Amino acid sequence: MKYTAVIIFLLFLFSCQLPVRKSETPGTPVVSKKEDPRVTAFREKVVEGAEYILKTKSLTVRGKTFNSDCSGTVLAVYYYAGIDLTKEFSQFQGSGVDRIYGIMGKYNLLHQEKMPKPGDIIFWDNTYDKNEDKKWNDELTHIGVVLRISDSGDIQYIHYNYSKGIAMEEMNLFNPEVHTKVSSSGEILVINAPMRMKSQNWDKNRWLSSHLFRDFAKGYYLGVLW
């Protein structure tokens, strides 16, 4: 009996040390820190697509033309990489931004890390007064794609600017209150680009890309899942 008790105790001890796996929704990818080479290949292709569209200023990709707006820009970038985000649009309602957000949520690809990866999709809220009630309650009004990121968290992203068209701008979530700073050489550097429409910017405390940021999404994982 003495030896049996010891064995039971040891089994109990080791069983408590086993890792507990969190419950997962069937079909939901587990996004690990070590990126699958297949995912990396799609992510790099997304970045290539963003650079192509930024250079050409065209939303016609492989014979398909996308709307000249923020969601059309993201759809074109991802289509270049072989990922047709409209594939599941019919499952969701609302604008293109709403539908893309819904797809990302479905596959558990949304996150709020301050250091995203190039190729990540960016979502913003309240970039304009969508429902025209002069309140800060307009969710998912804008979207873009991360192009580059520095070690200090400077994010360069491509999006469709309401006045400039296809453009590359900046955001830094480590310094969300900083619009510009002066470099050691005297150059003025944009840290967080303006995002709220000038004509609707009645709150001067919330107007930068960092102020209106909502989520990132690892949309390039769909290249492997689909």
C-alpha atoms as a PDB file:
ATOM      1  CA  MET A   1       0.000   0.000   0.000  1.00  0.00           C
ATOM      2  CA  LYS A   2       2.891   2.327   0.821  1.00  0.00           C
ATOM      3  CA  TYR A   3       4.424   1.964  -2.665  1.00  0.00           C
ATOM      4  CA  THR A   4       1.030   2.328  -4.332  1.00  0.00           C
ATOM      5  CA  ALA A   5       0.446   5.624  -2.538  1.00  0.00           C
ATOM      6  CA  VAL A   6       3.855   6.934  -3.700  1.00  0.00           C
ATOM      7  CA  ILE A   7       3.140   5.999  -7.324  1.00  0.00           C
ATOM      8  CA  ILE A   8      -0.282   7.687  -7.243  1.00  0.00           C
ATOM      9  CA  PHE A   9       1.289  10.843  -5.768  1.00  0.00           C
ATOM     10  CA  LEU A  10       3.985  10.959  -8.487  1.00  0.00           C
ATOM     11  CA  LEU A  11       1.420  10.508 -11.251  1.00  0.00           C
ATOM     12  CA  PHE A  12      -0.645  13.345  -9.797  1.00  0.00           C
ATOM     13  CA  LEU A  13       2.422  15.597  -9.514  1.00  0.00           C
ATOM     14  CA  PHE A  14       3.509  15.114 -13.133  1.00  0.00           C
ATOM     15  CA  SER A  15      -0.006  15.413 -14.488  1.00  0.00           C
ATOM     16  CA  CYS A  16      -0.264  18.884 -12.885  1.00  0.00           C
ATOM     17  CA  GLN A  17       2.832  19.972 -14.774  1.00  0.00           C
ATOM     18  CA  LEU A  18       1.432  19.142 -18.199  1.00  0.00           C
ATOM     19  CA  PRO A  19       0.635  22.217 -20.310  1.00  0.00           C
ATOM     20  CA  VAL A  20      -3.028  23.067 -20.581  1.00  0.00           C
ATOM     21  CA  ARG A  21      -4.144  23.693 -24.175  1.00  0.00           C
ATOM     22  CA  LYS A  22      -6.616  26.526 -24.548  1.00  0.00           C
ATOM     23  CA  SER A  23      -9.911  25.717 -26.184  1.00  0.00           C
ATOM     24  CA  GLU A  24     -10.007  26.580 -29.870  1.00  0.00           C
ATOM     25  CA  THR A  25     -12.801  27.180 -32.319  1.00  0.00           C
ATOM     26  CA  PRO A  26     -12.722  24.459 -35.013  1.00  0.00           C
ATOM     27  CA  GLY A  27     -10.993  25.826 -38.077  1.00  0.00           C
ATOM     28  CA  THR A  28      -9.452  28.744 -36.203  1.00  0.00           C
ATOM     29  CA  PRO A  29      -5.701  29.069 -36.872  1.00  0.00           C
ATOM     30  CA  VAL A  30      -3.298  29.325 -33.967  1.00  0.00           C
ATOM     31  CA  VAL A  31      -1.028  32.252 -34.847  1.00  0.00           C
ATOM     32  CA  SER A  32       2.356  31.411 -33.370  1.00  0.00           C
ATOM     33  CA  LYS A  33       5.344  33.707 -32.944  1.00  0.00           C
ATOM     34  CA  LYS A  34       7.399  31.449 -35.214  1.00  0.00           C
ATOM     35  CA  GLU A  35       5.941  32.114 -38.636  1.00  0.00           C
ATOM     36  CA  ASP A  36       5.276  29.249 -41.027  1.00  0.00           C
ATOM     37  CA  PRO A  37       7.448  29.672 -44.189  1.00  0.00           C
ATOM     38  CA  ARG A  38       4.291  29.405 -46.314  1.00  0.00           C
ATOM     39  CA  VAL A  39       2.744  32.282 -44.378  1.00  0.00           C
ATOM     40  CA  THR A  40       5.942  34.307 -44.744  1.00  0.00           C
ATOM     41  CA  ALA A  41       5.841  33.814 -48.509  1.00  0.00           C
ATOM     42  CA  PHE A  42       2.272  35.159 -48.705  1.00  0.00           C
ATOM     43  CA  ARG A  43       3.098  38.051 -46.360  1.00  0.00           C
ATOM     44  CA  GLU A  44       6.063  39.064 -48.504  1.00  0.00           C
ATOM     45  CA  LYS A  45       3.875  38.877 -51.593  1.00  0.00           C
ATOM     46  CA  VAL A  46       1.354  41.213 -49.926  1.00  0.00           C
ATOM     47  CA  VAL A  47       4.147  43.731 -49.284  1.00  0.00           C
ATOM     48  CA  GLU A  48       5.260  43.385 -52.901  1.00  0.00           C
ATOM     49  CA  GLY A  49       1.698  44.119 -53.963  1.00  0.00           C
ATOM     50  CA  ALA A  50       1.559  47.200 -51.742  1.00  0.00           C
ATOM     51  CA  GLU A  51       4.798  48.501 -53.242  1.00  0.00           C
ATOM     52  CA  TYR A  52       3.499  47.836 -56.755  1.00  0.00           C
ATOM     53  CA  ILE A  53       0.250  49.735 -56.155  1.00  0.00           C
ATOM     54  CA  LEU A  54       2.051  52.581 -54.415  1.00  0.00           C
ATOM     55  CA  LYS A  55       4.370  52.913 -57.409  1.00  0.00           C
ATOM     56  CA  THR A  56       1.780  52.561 -60.167  1.00  0.00           C
ATOM     57  CA  LYS A  57      -1.074  54.390 -58.364  1.00  0.00           C
ATOM     58  CA  SER A  58      -3.337  51.863 -60.071  1.00  0.00           C
ATOM     59  CA  LEU A  59      -5.952  49.560 -58.554  1.00  0.00           C
ATOM     60  CA  THR A  60      -6.065  47.276 -61.588  1.00  0.00           C
ATOM     61  CA  VAL A  61      -4.341  44.015 -60.690  1.00  0.00           C
ATOM     62  CA  ARG A  62      -4.082  41.030 -63.027  1.00  0.00           C
ATOM     63  CA  GLY A  63      -6.931  42.345 -65.139  1.00  0.00           C
ATOM     64  CA  LYS A  64      -9.269  43.092 -62.219  1.00  0.00           C
ATOM     65  CA  THR A  65     -10.074  46.693 -61.259  1.00  0.00           C
ATOM     66  CA  PHE A  66     -11.007  47.573 -57.673  1.00  0.00           C
ATOM     67  CA  ASN A  67     -12.912  50.582 -56.348  1.00  0.00           C
ATOM     68  CA  SER A  68     -10.916  53.761 -55.795  1.00  0.00           C
ATOM     69  CA  ASP A  69     -11.319  53.820 -52.025  1.00  0.00           C
ATOM     70  CA  CYS A  70      -9.646  52.452 -48.902  1.00  0.00           C
ATOM     71  CA  SER A  71     -11.143  48.950 -49.012  1.00  0.00           C
ATOM     72  CA  GLY A  72     -10.517  48.726 -52.763  1.00  0.00           C
ATOM     73  CA  THR A  73      -6.845  49.487 -52.132  1.00  0.00           C
ATOM     74  CA  VAL A  74      -6.513  46.696 -49.560  1.00  0.00           C
ATOM     75  CA  LEU A  75      -8.425  44.261 -51.769  1.00  0.00           C
ATOM     76  CA  ALA A  76      -6.081  45.063 -54.670  1.00  0.00           C
ATOM     77  CA  VAL A  77      -2.951  44.625 -52.530  1.00  0.00           C
ATOM     78  CA  TYR A  78      -4.093  41.227 -51.285  1.00  0.00           C
ATOM     79  CA  TYR A  79      -5.355  40.163 -54.720  1.00  0.00           C
ATOM     80  CA  TYR A  80      -1.849  40.792 -56.036  1.00  0.00           C
ATOM     81  CA  ALA A  81      -0.652  38.209 -53.490  1.00  0.00           C
ATOM     82  CA  GLY A  82      -3.219  35.674 -54.668  1.00  0.00           C
ATOM     83  CA  ILE A  83      -5.652  36.241 -51.774  1.00  0.00           C
ATOM     84  CA  ASP A  84      -9.145  37.290 -52.893  1.00  0.00           C
ATOM     85  CA  LEU A  85     -10.682  38.802 -49.774  1.00  0.00           C
ATOM     86  CA  THR A  86     -14.038  39.171 -51.540  1.00  0.00           C
ATOM     87  CA  LYS A  87     -14.336  35.375 -51.463  1.00  0.00           C
ATOM     88  CA  GLU A  88     -16.364  35.486 -48.242  1.00  0.00           C
ATOM     89  CA  PHE A  89     -17.936  38.948 -48.559  1.00  0.00           C
ATOM     90  CA  SER A  90     -21.420  37.459 -48.876  1.00  0.00           C
ATOM     91  CA  GLN A  91     -21.163  36.120 -45.314  1.00  0.00           C
ATOM     92  CA  PHE A  92     -21.033  39.640 -43.861  1.00  0.00           C
ATOM     93  CA  GLN A  93     -22.942  42.890 -44.141  1.00  0.00           C
ATOM     94  CA  GLY A  94     -21.916  46.522 -44.367  1.00  0.00           C
ATOM     95  CA  SER A  95     -19.124  48.337 -46.134  1.00  0.00           C
ATOM     96  CA  GLY A  96     -15.986  46.757 -47.569  1.00  0.00           C
ATOM     97  CA  VAL A  97     -14.176  47.629 -44.351  1.00  0.00           C
ATOM     98  CA  ASP A  98     -16.900  45.944 -42.272  1.00  0.00           C
ATOM     99  CA  ARG A  99     -16.735  42.792 -44.374  1.00  0.00           C
ATOM    100  CA  ILE A 100     -12.950  42.523 -44.314  1.00  0.00           C
ATOM    101  CA  TYR A 101     -13.035  43.026 -40.551  1.00  0.00           C
ATOM    102  CA  GLY A 102     -15.654  40.302 -40.259  1.00  0.00           C
ATOM    103  CA  ILE A 103     -13.489  37.869 -42.213  1.00  0.00           C
ATOM    104  CA  MET A 104     -10.467  38.620 -40.034  1.00  0.00           C
ATOM    105  CA  GLY A 105     -12.535  38.093 -36.902  1.00  0.00           C
ATOM    106  CA  LYS A 106     -13.923  34.815 -38.217  1.00  0.00           C
ATOM    107  CA  TYR A 107     -10.412  33.391 -38.520  1.00  0.00           C
ATOM    108  CA  ASN A 108      -9.110  34.945 -35.279  1.00  0.00           C
ATOM    109  CA  LEU A 109      -6.528  37.045 -37.117  1.00  0.00           C
ATOM    110  CA  LEU A 110      -7.142  40.380 -35.362  1.00  0.00           C
ATOM    111  CA  HIS A 111      -4.590  41.765 -32.894  1.00  0.00           C
ATOM    112  CA  GLN A 112      -3.392  45.008 -31.288  1.00  0.00           C
ATOM    113  CA  GLU A 113       0.365  44.469 -31.047  1.00  0.00           C
ATOM    114  CA  LYS A 114       2.236  47.759 -31.260  1.00  0.00           C
ATOM    115  CA  MET A 115       4.816  46.102 -33.506  1.00  0.00           C
ATOM    116  CA  PRO A 116       2.842  44.558 -36.385  1.00  0.00           C
ATOM    117  CA  LYS A 117       4.444  42.856 -39.373  1.00  0.00           C
ATOM    118  CA  PRO A 118       4.652  44.212 -42.902  1.00  0.00           C
ATOM    119  CA  GLY A 119       1.576  42.902 -44.698  1.00  0.00           C
ATOM    120  CA  ASP A 120      -0.750  43.298 -41.707  1.00  0.00           C
ATOM    121  CA  ILE A 121      -4.067  45.022 -42.376  1.00  0.00           C
ATOM    122  CA  ILE A 122      -4.833  48.135 -40.272  1.00  0.00           C
ATOM    123  CA  PHE A 123      -8.333  49.193 -39.195  1.00  0.00           C
ATOM    124  CA  TRP A 124      -9.322  52.653 -37.921  1.00  0.00           C
ATOM    125  CA  ASP A 125     -12.473  54.085 -36.342  1.00  0.00           C
ATOM    126  CA  ASN A 126     -13.943  57.605 -36.559  1.00  0.00           C
ATOM    127  CA  THR A 127     -11.853  58.850 -39.484  1.00  0.00           C
ATOM    128  CA  TYR A 128     -14.972  60.783 -40.506  1.00  0.00           C
ATOM    129  CA  ASP A 129     -18.510  61.301 -39.251  1.00  0.00           C
ATOM    130  CA  LYS A 130     -20.054  58.431 -41.195  1.00  0.00           C
ATOM    131  CA  ASN A 131     -23.563  58.731 -39.722  1.00  0.00           C
ATOM    132  CA  GLU A 132     -23.402  62.559 -39.548  1.00  0.00           C
ATOM    133  CA  ASP A 133     -24.482  62.857 -35.915  1.00  0.00           C
ATOM    134  CA  LYS A 134     -21.333  64.707 -34.767  1.00  0.00           C
ATOM    135  CA  LYS A 135     -20.496  61.977 -32.257  1.00  0.00           C
ATOM    136  CA  TRP A 136     -17.503  59.663 -31.940  1.00  0.00           C
ATOM    137  CA  ASN A 137     -19.419  56.487 -32.682  1.00  0.00           C
ATOM    138  CA  ASP A 138     -18.347  55.624 -36.229  1.00  0.00           C
ATOM    139  CA  GLU A 139     -16.632  52.253 -36.168  1.00  0.00           C
ATOM    140  CA  LEU A 140     -14.531  50.734 -38.951  1.00  0.00           C
ATOM    141  CA  THR A 141     -14.384  53.747 -41.228  1.00  0.00           C
ATOM    142  CA  HIS A 142     -10.938  53.214 -42.749  1.00  0.00           C
ATOM    143  CA  ILE A 143      -8.428  50.502 -43.646  1.00  0.00           C
ATOM    144  CA  GLY A 144      -4.827  50.173 -44.883  1.00  0.00           C
ATOM    145  CA  VAL A 145      -1.859  47.787 -45.090  1.00  0.00           C
ATOM    146  CA  VAL A 146       1.456  47.904 -43.209  1.00  0.00           C
ATOM    147  CA  LEU A 147       4.324  48.362 -45.654  1.00  0.00           C
ATOM    148  CA  ARG A 148       7.357  48.708 -43.379  1.00  0.00           C
ATOM    149  CA  ILE A 149       8.148  49.015 -39.672  1.00  0.00           C
ATOM    150  CA  SER A 150      11.312  50.187 -37.904  1.00  0.00           C
ATOM    151  CA  ASP A 151      12.819  48.890 -34.661  1.00  0.00           C
ATOM    152  CA  SER A 152      11.448  51.956 -32.885  1.00  0.00           C
ATOM    153  CA  GLY A 153       7.892  51.205 -34.004  1.00  0.00           C
ATOM    154  CA  ASP A 154       7.627  53.638 -36.916  1.00  0.00           C
ATOM    155  CA  ILE A 155       4.977  52.102 -39.170  1.00  0.00           C
ATOM    156  CA  GLN A 156       4.707  53.043 -42.829  1.00  0.00           C
ATOM    157  CA  TYR A 157       1.390  52.037 -44.328  1.00  0.00           C
ATOM    158  CA  ILE A 158      -0.357  52.275 -47.678  1.00  0.00           C
ATOM    159  CA  HIS A 159      -3.964  53.464 -47.814  1.00  0.00           C
ATOM    160  CA  TYR A 160      -6.359  55.535 -49.871  1.00  0.00           C
ATOM    161  CA  ASN A 161      -6.173  59.083 -48.542  1.00  0.00           C
ATOM    162  CA  TYR A 162      -9.425  61.007 -49.057  1.00  0.00           C
ATOM    163  CA  SER A 163      -7.560  63.924 -50.666  1.00  0.00           C
ATOM    164  CA  LYS A 164      -4.291  62.396 -51.967  1.00  0.00           C
ATOM    165  CA  GLY A 165      -5.518  59.068 -53.303  1.00  0.00           C
ATOM    166  CA  ILE A 166      -3.162  56.082 -52.941  1.00  0.00           C
ATOM    167  CA  ALA A 167      -0.480  57.168 -50.476  1.00  0.00           C
ATOM    168  CA  MET A 168       2.069  55.982 -47.933  1.00  0.00           C
ATOM    169  CA  GLU A 169       1.881  57.545 -44.469  1.00  0.00           C
ATOM    170  CA  GLU A 170       3.101  56.980 -40.920  1.00  0.00           C
ATOM    171  CA  MET A 171       1.946  55.802 -37.494  1.00  0.00           C
ATOM    172  CA  ASN A 172       3.734  55.001 -34.235  1.00  0.00           C
ATOM    173  CA  LEU A 173       1.717  53.480 -31.386  1.00  0.00           C
ATOM    174  CA  PHE A 174       4.578  53.957 -28.894  1.00  0.00           C
ATOM    175  CA  ASN A 175       4.295  57.726 -29.400  1.00  0.00           C
ATOM    176  CA  PRO A 176       0.585  58.205 -30.113  1.00  0.00           C
ATOM    177  CA  GLU A 177       0.444  61.904 -29.189  1.00  0.00           C
ATOM    178  CA  VAL A 178       3.299  63.007 -31.453  1.00  0.00           C
ATOM    179  CA  HIS A 179       2.435  64.422 -34.856  1.00  0.00           C
ATOM    180  CA  THR A 180       5.909  65.524 -35.988  1.00  0.00           C
ATOM    181  CA  LYS A 181       9.404  65.847 -34.592  1.00  0.00           C
ATOM    182  CA  VAL A 182      12.611  67.521 -35.759  1.00  0.00           C
ATOM    183  CA  SER A 183      15.539  65.238 -36.577  1.00  0.00           C
ATOM    184  CA  SER A 184      19.154  65.974 -35.606  1.00  0.00           C
ATOM    185  CA  SER A 185      19.690  67.340 -39.109  1.00  0.00           C
ATOM    186  CA  GLY A 186      16.757  69.725 -38.766  1.00  0.00           C
ATOM    187  CA  GLU A 187      14.373  67.700 -40.936  1.00  0.00           C
ATOM    188  CA  ILE A 188      10.713  67.595 -39.902  1.00  0.00           C
ATOM    189  CA  LEU A 189       9.618  63.964 -39.571  1.00  0.00           C
ATOM    190  CA  VAL A 190       5.987  62.850 -39.474  1.00  0.00           C
ATOM    191  CA  ILE A 191       5.499  60.351 -36.638  1.00  0.00           C
ATOM    192  CA  ASN A 192       1.703  60.027 -36.817  1.00  0.00           C
ATOM    193  CA  ALA A 193      -0.043  61.226 -39.945  1.00  0.00           C
ATOM    194  CA  PRO A 194      -3.337  63.120 -39.715  1.00  0.00           C
ATOM    195  CA  MET A 195      -6.275  60.747 -40.237  1.00  0.00           C
ATOM    196  CA  ARG A 196      -9.470  62.575 -39.287  1.00  0.00           C
ATOM    197  CA  MET A 197     -10.967  64.615 -42.143  1.00  0.00           C
ATOM    198  CA  LYS A 198     -10.128  68.299 -41.683  1.00  0.00           C
ATOM    199  CA  SER A 199     -13.709  69.367 -42.316  1.00  0.00           C
ATOM    200  CA  GLN A 200     -14.884  67.099 -39.462  1.00  0.00           C
ATOM    201  CA  ASN A 201     -12.066  67.530 -36.973  1.00  0.00           C
ATOM    202  CA  TRP A 202     -13.941  69.219 -34.118  1.00  0.00           C
ATOM    203  CA  ASP A 203     -11.964  67.340 -31.439  1.00  0.00           C
ATOM    204  CA  LYS A 204      -8.307  68.354 -31.639  1.00  0.00           C
ATOM    205  CA  ASN A 205      -7.332  65.581 -29.231  1.00  0.00           C
ATOM    206  CA  ARG A 206      -8.306  62.823 -31.663  1.00  0.00           C
ATOM    207  CA  TRP A 207      -7.155  63.327 -35.218  1.00  0.00           C
ATOM    208  CA  LEU A 208      -3.954  61.337 -35.774  1.00  0.00           C
ATOM    209  CA  SER A 209      -3.676  57.813 -37.180  1.00  0.00           C
ATOM    210  CA  SER A 210      -2.525  56.630 -33.739  1.00  0.00           C
ATOM    211  CA  HIS A 211      -5.574  58.192 -32.040  1.00  0.00           C
ATOM    212  CA  LEU A 212      -8.061  56.449 -34.319  1.00  0.00           C
ATOM    213  CA  PHE A 213      -6.311  53.061 -34.591  1.00  0.00           C
ATOM    214  CA  ARG A 214      -8.513  50.059 -33.817  1.00  0.00           C
ATOM    215  CA  ASP A 215      -6.868  46.742 -34.786  1.00  0.00           C
ATOM    216  CA  PHE A 216      -4.347  44.992 -36.980  1.00  0.00           C
ATOM    217  CA  ALA A 217      -5.044  41.711 -38.777  1.00  0.00           C
ATOM    218  CA  LYS A 218      -2.750  38.990 -40.126  1.00  0.00           C
ATOM    219  CA  GLY A 219      -4.758  38.582 -43.321  1.00  0.00           C
ATOM    220  CA  TYR A 220      -1.934  36.837 -45.179  1.00  0.00           C
ATOM    221  CA  TYR A 221      -2.663  33.679 -43.146  1.00  0.00           C
ATOM    222  CA  LEU A 222      -5.656  33.227 -45.439  1.00  0.00           C
ATOM    223  CA  GLY A 223      -3.252  32.394 -48.247  1.00  0.00           C
ATOM    224  CA  VAL A 224      -2.551  29.128 -46.435  1.00  0.00           C
ATOM    225  CA  LEU A 225      -6.039  28.550 -44.978  1.00  0.00           C
ATOM    226  CA  TRP A 226      -7.857  29.028 -48.259  1.00  0.00           C
END
